[in-house]
Protein backbone atom coordinates (compact mmCIF):
# COMPACT_ATOMS: atom_id res chain seq x y z
CA LEU A 1 -16.02 1.45 -56.32
CA ASN A 2 -18.25 1.36 -59.39
CA THR A 3 -21.64 3.09 -59.62
CA VAL A 4 -24.13 2.92 -62.50
CA ASN A 5 -27.27 5.08 -62.77
CA ARG A 6 -28.89 4.44 -66.13
CA GLU A 7 -32.27 5.61 -67.33
CA GLY A 8 -34.73 3.00 -68.49
CA TRP A 9 -34.73 2.06 -72.17
CA GLN A 10 -38.32 0.77 -72.37
CA ARG A 11 -41.39 3.01 -72.68
CA ASN A 12 -44.64 2.09 -71.01
CA VAL A 13 -47.32 2.74 -73.65
CA ALA A 14 -50.16 1.12 -71.71
CA ASP A 15 -53.39 3.08 -71.71
CA PRO A 16 -53.95 4.75 -68.30
CA SER A 17 -57.56 3.55 -68.25
CA ALA A 18 -56.41 -0.05 -68.85
CA ILE A 19 -53.96 0.24 -65.95
CA ALA A 20 -56.71 1.60 -63.69
CA ALA A 21 -59.04 -1.25 -64.70
CA SER A 22 -56.45 -3.99 -64.14
CA ALA A 23 -56.87 -6.43 -61.28
CA ASP A 24 -55.79 -5.42 -57.77
CA LEU A 25 -54.35 -8.85 -56.96
CA PRO A 26 -52.06 -9.64 -59.93
CA ALA A 27 -49.94 -12.05 -57.91
CA GLY A 28 -52.75 -14.60 -57.97
CA ALA A 29 -51.65 -16.00 -54.59
CA GLY A 30 -54.20 -14.46 -52.24
CA PHE A 31 -52.20 -11.38 -51.28
CA PRO A 32 -52.00 -7.88 -52.79
CA TRP A 33 -49.13 -7.27 -55.17
CA PRO A 34 -46.64 -5.52 -52.85
CA TYR A 35 -45.26 -3.04 -55.38
CA GLY A 36 -48.46 -1.47 -56.68
CA LYS A 37 -49.43 -0.50 -60.20
CA GLU A 38 -47.17 0.95 -62.84
CA SER A 39 -47.46 4.49 -64.24
CA ALA A 40 -48.22 5.24 -67.86
CA ASN A 41 -45.37 6.71 -69.93
CA ARG A 42 -42.81 5.71 -67.30
CA ARG A 43 -39.35 4.62 -68.45
CA LEU A 44 -38.71 0.99 -67.53
CA GLY A 45 -35.53 -1.07 -67.42
CA SER A 46 -33.52 1.46 -65.44
CA GLN A 47 -30.42 0.39 -63.53
CA ASN A 48 -29.12 1.76 -60.25
CA SER A 49 -26.21 -0.26 -58.95
CA THR A 50 -23.16 0.08 -56.73
CA GLU A 51 -20.29 -2.38 -56.60
CA TRP A 52 -17.28 -2.18 -54.31
CA ARG A 53 -14.17 -4.11 -53.45
CA ALA A 54 -11.60 -3.83 -50.69
CA SER A 55 -8.49 -5.90 -50.00
CA PHE A 56 -5.97 -6.23 -47.19
CA ASP A 57 -2.54 -7.79 -47.63
CA ALA A 58 -0.50 -8.38 -44.47
CA LYS A 59 2.87 -10.01 -43.95
CA LEU A 60 2.38 -11.43 -40.46
CA THR A 61 5.87 -12.93 -40.14
CA ASP A 62 8.83 -13.50 -42.45
CA ASN A 63 7.19 -16.63 -43.89
CA LEU A 64 3.47 -16.10 -43.13
CA GLN A 65 1.24 -13.91 -45.31
CA ASN A 66 -2.51 -13.21 -45.27
CA TYR A 67 -4.53 -11.72 -48.14
CA LEU A 68 -8.21 -10.81 -47.54
CA ILE A 69 -10.71 -9.63 -50.18
CA TYR A 70 -14.22 -8.33 -49.57
CA GLN A 71 -16.58 -7.37 -52.38
CA GLY A 72 -20.26 -6.58 -52.56
CA ALA A 73 -22.97 -5.19 -54.79
CA HIS A 74 -26.39 -3.59 -54.56
CA PHE A 75 -28.56 -3.58 -57.70
CA LYS A 76 -31.99 -2.10 -58.36
CA SER A 77 -34.08 -2.03 -61.53
CA ASN A 78 -37.70 -1.41 -62.51
CA GLY A 79 -37.96 -3.83 -65.39
CA PRO A 80 -37.87 -4.42 -68.25
CA HIS A 81 -41.27 -5.95 -68.96
CA THR A 82 -42.36 -8.61 -71.40
CA GLN A 83 -43.84 -7.70 -74.79
CA LEU A 84 -46.86 -9.37 -76.40
CA PRO A 85 -46.99 -8.62 -80.15
CA PHE A 86 -48.95 -11.73 -81.18
CA VAL A 87 -51.45 -14.17 -79.67
CA LEU A 88 -52.64 -17.58 -80.80
CA PRO A 89 -56.33 -17.95 -81.80
CA THR A 90 -57.52 -19.51 -78.55
CA SER A 91 -60.29 -18.79 -76.11
CA GLY A 92 -58.20 -16.06 -74.46
CA SER A 93 -57.24 -14.30 -77.69
CA CYS A 94 -60.16 -11.87 -77.49
CA THR A 95 -58.76 -10.59 -74.19
CA TYR A 96 -55.16 -10.18 -75.32
CA GLU A 97 -55.52 -9.31 -79.02
CA PRO A 98 -56.24 -5.57 -78.49
CA PHE A 99 -53.04 -5.27 -76.45
CA ALA A 100 -51.08 -7.29 -79.00
CA GLN A 101 -52.32 -5.02 -81.80
CA LYS A 102 -51.25 -1.93 -79.88
CA GLN A 103 -47.84 -3.51 -79.29
CA ARG A 104 -47.42 -4.20 -83.00
CA GLU A 105 -48.26 -0.58 -83.76
CA SER A 106 -45.58 0.57 -81.33
CA ASP A 107 -41.86 -0.34 -81.46
CA PHE A 108 -39.36 -2.71 -79.88
CA TRP A 109 -38.54 -0.21 -77.13
CA SER A 110 -42.01 -0.29 -75.60
CA THR A 111 -44.31 -2.45 -73.49
CA GLN A 112 -47.70 -2.25 -71.76
CA ALA A 113 -47.16 -2.66 -68.05
CA ALA A 114 -49.85 -2.44 -65.40
CA TRP A 115 -47.87 -3.52 -62.33
CA ARG A 116 -44.46 -2.61 -61.01
CA ILE A 117 -41.94 -5.49 -61.16
CA PRO A 118 -38.74 -4.21 -59.52
CA THR A 119 -35.57 -6.21 -59.07
CA ASN A 120 -33.55 -5.78 -55.87
CA LEU A 121 -30.28 -7.65 -55.41
CA LYS A 122 -27.76 -7.58 -52.56
CA GLN A 123 -24.69 -9.81 -52.44
CA HIS A 124 -21.49 -9.97 -50.40
CA GLN A 125 -18.40 -12.14 -50.67
CA LEU A 126 -15.27 -12.74 -48.56
CA VAL A 127 -12.12 -14.61 -49.64
CA ASP A 128 -9.18 -15.11 -47.30
CA THR A 129 -5.85 -16.67 -48.37
CA LEU A 130 -3.28 -17.63 -45.74
CA THR A 131 0.14 -18.75 -46.99
CA LEU A 132 2.97 -20.27 -44.96
CA ASP A 133 6.32 -20.62 -46.75
CA LEU A 134 8.53 -23.38 -45.30
CA GLY A 135 11.17 -23.34 -47.99
CA ASN A 136 10.63 -26.29 -50.31
CA ILE A 137 7.11 -26.74 -48.91
CA THR A 138 4.31 -24.13 -48.92
CA LEU A 139 1.05 -24.50 -47.01
CA LYS A 140 -1.91 -22.51 -48.28
CA ASN A 141 -5.45 -22.19 -46.96
CA ILE A 142 -8.15 -20.47 -49.03
CA ALA A 143 -11.51 -19.83 -47.34
CA GLY A 144 -14.50 -18.11 -48.91
CA ALA A 145 -18.02 -17.11 -47.96
CA LYS A 146 -20.88 -15.45 -49.82
CA TRP A 147 -24.36 -14.15 -49.12
CA ILE A 148 -27.10 -13.29 -51.60
CA ASP A 149 -30.57 -11.80 -51.32
CA ARG A 150 -32.63 -11.20 -54.45
CA ARG A 151 -36.26 -10.25 -55.00
CA ALA A 152 -37.78 -9.68 -58.42
CA GLY A 153 -41.16 -9.43 -60.04
CA ILE A 154 -41.91 -11.53 -63.11
CA ASP A 155 -44.41 -10.32 -65.72
CA SER A 156 -45.22 -13.09 -68.21
CA THR A 157 -47.52 -11.17 -70.56
CA GLY A 158 -46.57 -7.49 -70.63
CA THR A 159 -50.21 -6.42 -70.76
CA PRO A 160 -52.72 -4.93 -68.29
CA ALA A 161 -55.28 -7.61 -69.19
CA SER A 162 -57.23 -8.90 -66.21
CA MET A 163 -56.22 -12.47 -67.07
CA ALA A 164 -52.62 -11.50 -66.36
CA GLN A 165 -53.32 -11.73 -62.64
CA ASN A 166 -52.26 -15.39 -62.78
CA VAL A 167 -48.90 -14.73 -64.43
CA ILE A 168 -47.46 -11.96 -62.26
CA ASN A 169 -45.18 -13.52 -59.67
CA ASP A 170 -42.79 -12.56 -56.93
CA TYR A 171 -39.43 -14.33 -57.26
CA VAL A 172 -37.35 -14.53 -54.05
CA GLN A 173 -33.85 -16.00 -53.82
CA SER A 174 -31.72 -15.88 -50.68
CA GLY A 175 -28.95 -17.92 -49.16
CA HIS A 176 -25.29 -18.32 -48.39
CA GLY A 177 -22.31 -20.44 -49.31
CA PHE A 178 -18.95 -21.45 -47.90
CA SER A 179 -15.81 -22.96 -49.40
CA GLU A 180 -12.58 -24.26 -47.88
CA GLU A 181 -9.46 -25.31 -49.76
CA PHE A 182 -6.18 -26.52 -48.28
CA GLN A 183 -3.08 -26.94 -50.45
CA ILE A 184 0.39 -28.37 -49.92
CA GLN A 185 2.77 -27.13 -52.59
CA GLY A 186 6.28 -28.48 -53.08
CA ARG A 187 9.23 -28.03 -55.37
CA SER A 188 12.40 -30.01 -55.93
CA PRO A 189 15.50 -27.85 -56.52
CA ASP A 190 17.33 -30.74 -58.19
CA SER A 191 14.72 -31.84 -60.74
CA GLY A 192 12.78 -28.58 -61.08
CA LEU A 193 9.56 -30.47 -60.36
CA SER A 194 6.71 -28.54 -58.71
CA TRP A 195 3.65 -30.28 -57.29
CA THR A 196 0.43 -29.48 -55.45
CA VAL A 197 -1.89 -31.70 -53.44
CA GLY A 198 -4.86 -30.66 -51.35
CA ALA A 199 -8.51 -30.91 -50.52
CA PHE A 200 -11.54 -28.78 -51.36
CA TYR A 201 -14.93 -28.43 -49.68
CA PHE A 202 -17.91 -26.42 -50.88
CA TYR A 203 -21.31 -25.82 -49.27
CA ASN A 204 -24.10 -23.77 -50.83
CA LYS A 205 -27.65 -23.24 -49.56
CA ILE A 206 -30.05 -21.19 -51.65
CA LYS A 207 -33.78 -20.86 -51.03
CA GLN A 208 -35.99 -19.95 -53.97
CA SER A 209 -39.69 -19.28 -54.09
CA ILE A 210 -42.11 -17.99 -56.71
């Protein structure tokens, strides 16, 4: 078991009035941003994660052995956010330049965030190895399965500018996978030759949306 609780390394230096004046629909997809607005002076980029692993090794008979491994992880974070220190002289520069100037006057460890963009990740994995020893021949079957569910916010500007409502997105990734491997292993006592033949199958289905 491994647990990490780490405070955020990035400071939110956005002006509270700019956060309050930012758009209410930053996702730009016709629905309210589900996580709400960020707080001024909040520490971003924190990490709260737990990882675990368990295994079971059983000798079922004199020549049959099974080894099972299960591992999983839960991960949560509240950033970090993008930084915008410079803008090109385009039609939108008048909107972003004040935020870029403030970012230049700050430091690398800061940003100007108006909306919360958390990352939540859950994943689980199983691997089972079954081995049958027949003397000069060994049969081995290795089966695996995994599941993943991830949801994260993406902030492309790191500013509370109203134009940022088109570049705040919700990234969702979920799916599962399966693998199957069968091996025949042999050895020749006379020549010392060892050999392995087998077959492998892998299936993976991941859905992603932004």
